[in-house]
């Protein structure tokens, strides 16, 4: 992966991720399945100008869903929870 923008797909704005960001200074992201922890750490530090303490990742397998007379499988994805240094924040929504 050559570009940092290819590693991070989108921030995870869920109830669980919001709770973690308020209480533990930990933010969730959906990342590329091929990205490793070092690449995720570098991408977040460069794009958001923060200091990352640790990265925890988990790969979520795709689910089989019914579609008409057959079945389809949704795609797998990878989540990353990133803990920042004390006193630093990432603003996903500015002015809200």
C-alpha atoms as a PDB file:
ATOM      1  CA  UNK A   1       0.000   0.000   0.000  1.00  0.00           C
ATOM      2  CA  UNK A   2       1.572   3.201  -1.167  1.00  0.00           C
ATOM      3  CA  UNK A   3      -0.891   5.851   0.020  1.00  0.00           C
ATOM      4  CA  UNK A   4      -1.995   6.570   3.562  1.00  0.00           C
ATOM      5  CA  UNK A   5      -5.484   7.421   2.312  1.00  0.00           C
ATOM      6  CA  UNK A   6      -5.878   3.824   1.067  1.00  0.00           C
ATOM      7  CA  UNK A   7      -5.378   2.407   4.571  1.00  0.00           C
ATOM      8  CA  UNK A   8      -8.195   4.255   6.374  1.00  0.00           C
ATOM      9  CA  UNK A   9     -11.615   3.730   4.795  1.00  0.00           C
ATOM     10  CA  UNK A  10     -13.864   5.610   7.246  1.00  0.00           C
ATOM     11  CA  UNK A  11     -14.262   6.345  10.950  1.00  0.00           C
ATOM     12  CA  UNK A  12     -16.565   4.070  12.923  1.00  0.00           C
ATOM     13  CA  UNK A  13     -19.285   6.278  14.403  1.00  0.00           C
ATOM     14  CA  UNK A  14     -21.202   3.806  16.565  1.00  0.00           C
ATOM     15  CA  UNK A  15     -22.502   3.932  20.101  1.00  0.00           C
ATOM     16  CA  UNK A  16     -19.703   1.658  21.309  1.00  0.00           C
ATOM     17  CA  UNK A  17     -17.012   3.722  19.546  1.00  0.00           C
ATOM     18  CA  UNK A  18     -18.447   6.973  20.938  1.00  0.00           C
ATOM     19  CA  UNK A  19     -18.383   5.560  24.472  1.00  0.00           C
ATOM     20  CA  UNK A  20     -14.753   4.431  24.025  1.00  0.00           C
ATOM     21  CA  UNK A  21     -13.687   7.826  22.681  1.00  0.00           C
ATOM     22  CA  UNK A  22     -15.284   9.716  25.585  1.00  0.00           C
ATOM     23  CA  UNK A  23     -14.037   7.439  28.379  1.00  0.00           C
ATOM     24  CA  UNK A  24     -10.789   5.879  27.128  1.00  0.00           C
ATOM     25  CA  UNK A  25      -9.588   8.293  24.413  1.00  0.00           C
ATOM     26  CA  UNK A  26      -9.937   5.415  21.923  1.00  0.00           C
ATOM     27  CA  UNK A  27     -11.297   5.921  18.388  1.00  0.00           C
ATOM     28  CA  UNK A  28     -12.652   3.343  15.938  1.00  0.00           C
ATOM     29  CA  UNK A  29     -11.930   3.118  12.209  1.00  0.00           C
ATOM     30  CA  UNK A  30     -12.824   0.789   9.367  1.00  0.00           C
ATOM     31  CA  UNK A  31      -9.517   0.014   7.640  1.00  0.00           C
ATOM     32  CA  UNK A  32      -8.230  -1.915   4.648  1.00  0.00           C
ATOM     33  CA  UNK A  33      -8.154  -5.676   5.276  1.00  0.00           C
ATOM     34  CA  UNK A  34      -4.515  -5.894   4.159  1.00  0.00           C
ATOM     35  CA  UNK A  35      -3.300  -3.092   6.473  1.00  0.00           C
ATOM     36  CA  UNK A  36      -1.202  -3.987   9.512  1.00  0.00           C
ATOM     37  CA  UNK A  37      -0.981  -2.167  12.863  1.00  0.00           C
ATOM     38  CA  UNK A  38       2.134  -0.179  11.969  1.00  0.00           C
ATOM     39  CA  UNK A  39       0.565   1.131   8.748  1.00  0.00           C
ATOM     40  CA  UNK A  40      -2.634   2.088  10.593  1.00  0.00           C
ATOM     41  CA  UNK A  41      -0.629   3.917  13.269  1.00  0.00           C
ATOM     42  CA  UNK A  42       1.414   5.871  10.691  1.00  0.00           C
ATOM     43  CA  UNK A  43      -1.693   6.792   8.679  1.00  0.00           C
ATOM     44  CA  UNK A  44      -3.589   8.164  11.691  1.00  0.00           C
ATOM     45  CA  UNK A  45      -0.584  10.076  13.003  1.00  0.00           C
ATOM     46  CA  UNK A  46       0.018  11.734   9.604  1.00  0.00           C
ATOM     47  CA  UNK A  47      -3.615  12.460   8.658  1.00  0.00           C
ATOM     48  CA  UNK A  48      -4.897  13.641  12.055  1.00  0.00           C
ATOM     49  CA  UNK A  49      -1.625  14.993  13.546  1.00  0.00           C
ATOM     50  CA  UNK A  50      -1.924  13.057  16.839  1.00  0.00           C
ATOM     51  CA  UNK A  51       0.269  10.620  18.806  1.00  0.00           C
ATOM     52  CA  UNK A  52      -0.994   7.006  18.821  1.00  0.00           C
ATOM     53  CA  UNK A  53      -0.251   4.850  21.875  1.00  0.00           C
ATOM     54  CA  UNK A  54      -1.621   1.487  20.690  1.00  0.00           C
ATOM     55  CA  UNK A  55      -3.714  -0.103  17.951  1.00  0.00           C
ATOM     56  CA  UNK A  56      -6.087  -3.045  18.365  1.00  0.00           C
ATOM     57  CA  UNK A  57      -7.515  -4.687  15.253  1.00  0.00           C
ATOM     58  CA  UNK A  58     -10.142  -7.308  14.522  1.00  0.00           C
ATOM     59  CA  UNK A  59     -11.253  -8.823  11.237  1.00  0.00           C
ATOM     60  CA  UNK A  60     -15.014  -9.250  10.903  1.00  0.00           C
ATOM     61  CA  UNK A  61     -15.988 -12.116   8.550  1.00  0.00           C
ATOM     62  CA  UNK A  62     -18.714 -11.640   5.952  1.00  0.00           C
ATOM     63  CA  UNK A  63     -22.219 -12.892   6.660  1.00  0.00           C
ATOM     64  CA  UNK A  64     -24.362 -15.147   4.512  1.00  0.00           C
ATOM     65  CA  UNK A  65     -27.665 -13.476   3.661  1.00  0.00           C
ATOM     66  CA  UNK A  66     -30.671 -14.646   1.744  1.00  0.00           C
ATOM     67  CA  UNK A  67     -31.342 -12.958  -1.606  1.00  0.00           C
ATOM     68  CA  UNK A  68     -34.384 -14.168  -3.514  1.00  0.00           C
ATOM     69  CA  UNK A  69     -34.015 -17.894  -4.174  1.00  0.00           C
ATOM     70  CA  UNK A  70     -30.316 -18.004  -3.375  1.00  0.00           C
ATOM     71  CA  UNK A  71     -27.747 -16.840  -0.890  1.00  0.00           C
ATOM     72  CA  UNK A  72     -25.126 -14.106  -1.025  1.00  0.00           C
ATOM     73  CA  UNK A  73     -22.170 -13.402   1.216  1.00  0.00           C
ATOM     74  CA  UNK A  74     -21.398  -9.862   2.354  1.00  0.00           C
ATOM     75  CA  UNK A  75     -17.779  -8.781   2.364  1.00  0.00           C
ATOM     76  CA  UNK A  76     -15.356  -9.045   5.260  1.00  0.00           C
ATOM     77  CA  UNK A  77     -13.887  -5.922   6.807  1.00  0.00           C
ATOM     78  CA  UNK A  78     -11.332  -4.930   9.419  1.00  0.00           C
ATOM     79  CA  UNK A  79     -11.880  -2.665  12.430  1.00  0.00           C
ATOM     80  CA  UNK A  80      -9.141  -0.824  14.275  1.00  0.00           C
ATOM     81  CA  UNK A  81      -9.426   0.824  17.680  1.00  0.00           C
ATOM     82  CA  UNK A  82      -6.696   3.403  18.190  1.00  0.00           C
ATOM     83  CA  UNK A  83      -5.793   4.837  21.600  1.00  0.00           C
ATOM     84  CA  UNK A  84      -4.371   8.351  21.587  1.00  0.00           C
ATOM     85  CA  UNK A  85      -1.999  10.118  23.947  1.00  0.00           C
ATOM     86  CA  UNK A  86      -3.619  11.834  26.927  1.00  0.00           C
ATOM     87  CA  UNK A  87      -5.099  15.232  26.044  1.00  0.00           C
ATOM     88  CA  UNK A  88      -5.343  14.660  22.267  1.00  0.00           C
ATOM     89  CA  UNK A  89      -8.580  14.348  20.320  1.00  0.00           C
ATOM     90  CA  UNK A  90      -9.820  13.639  16.817  1.00  0.00           C
ATOM     91  CA  UNK A  91     -12.736  15.795  15.656  1.00  0.00           C
ATOM     92  CA  UNK A  92     -14.870  13.922  13.115  1.00  0.00           C
ATOM     93  CA  UNK A  93     -17.622  16.563  13.067  1.00  0.00           C
ATOM     94  CA  UNK A  94     -16.406  20.140  13.287  1.00  0.00           C
ATOM     95  CA  UNK A  95     -18.902  22.757  14.370  1.00  0.00           C
ATOM     96  CA  UNK A  96     -21.640  20.320  15.386  1.00  0.00           C
END
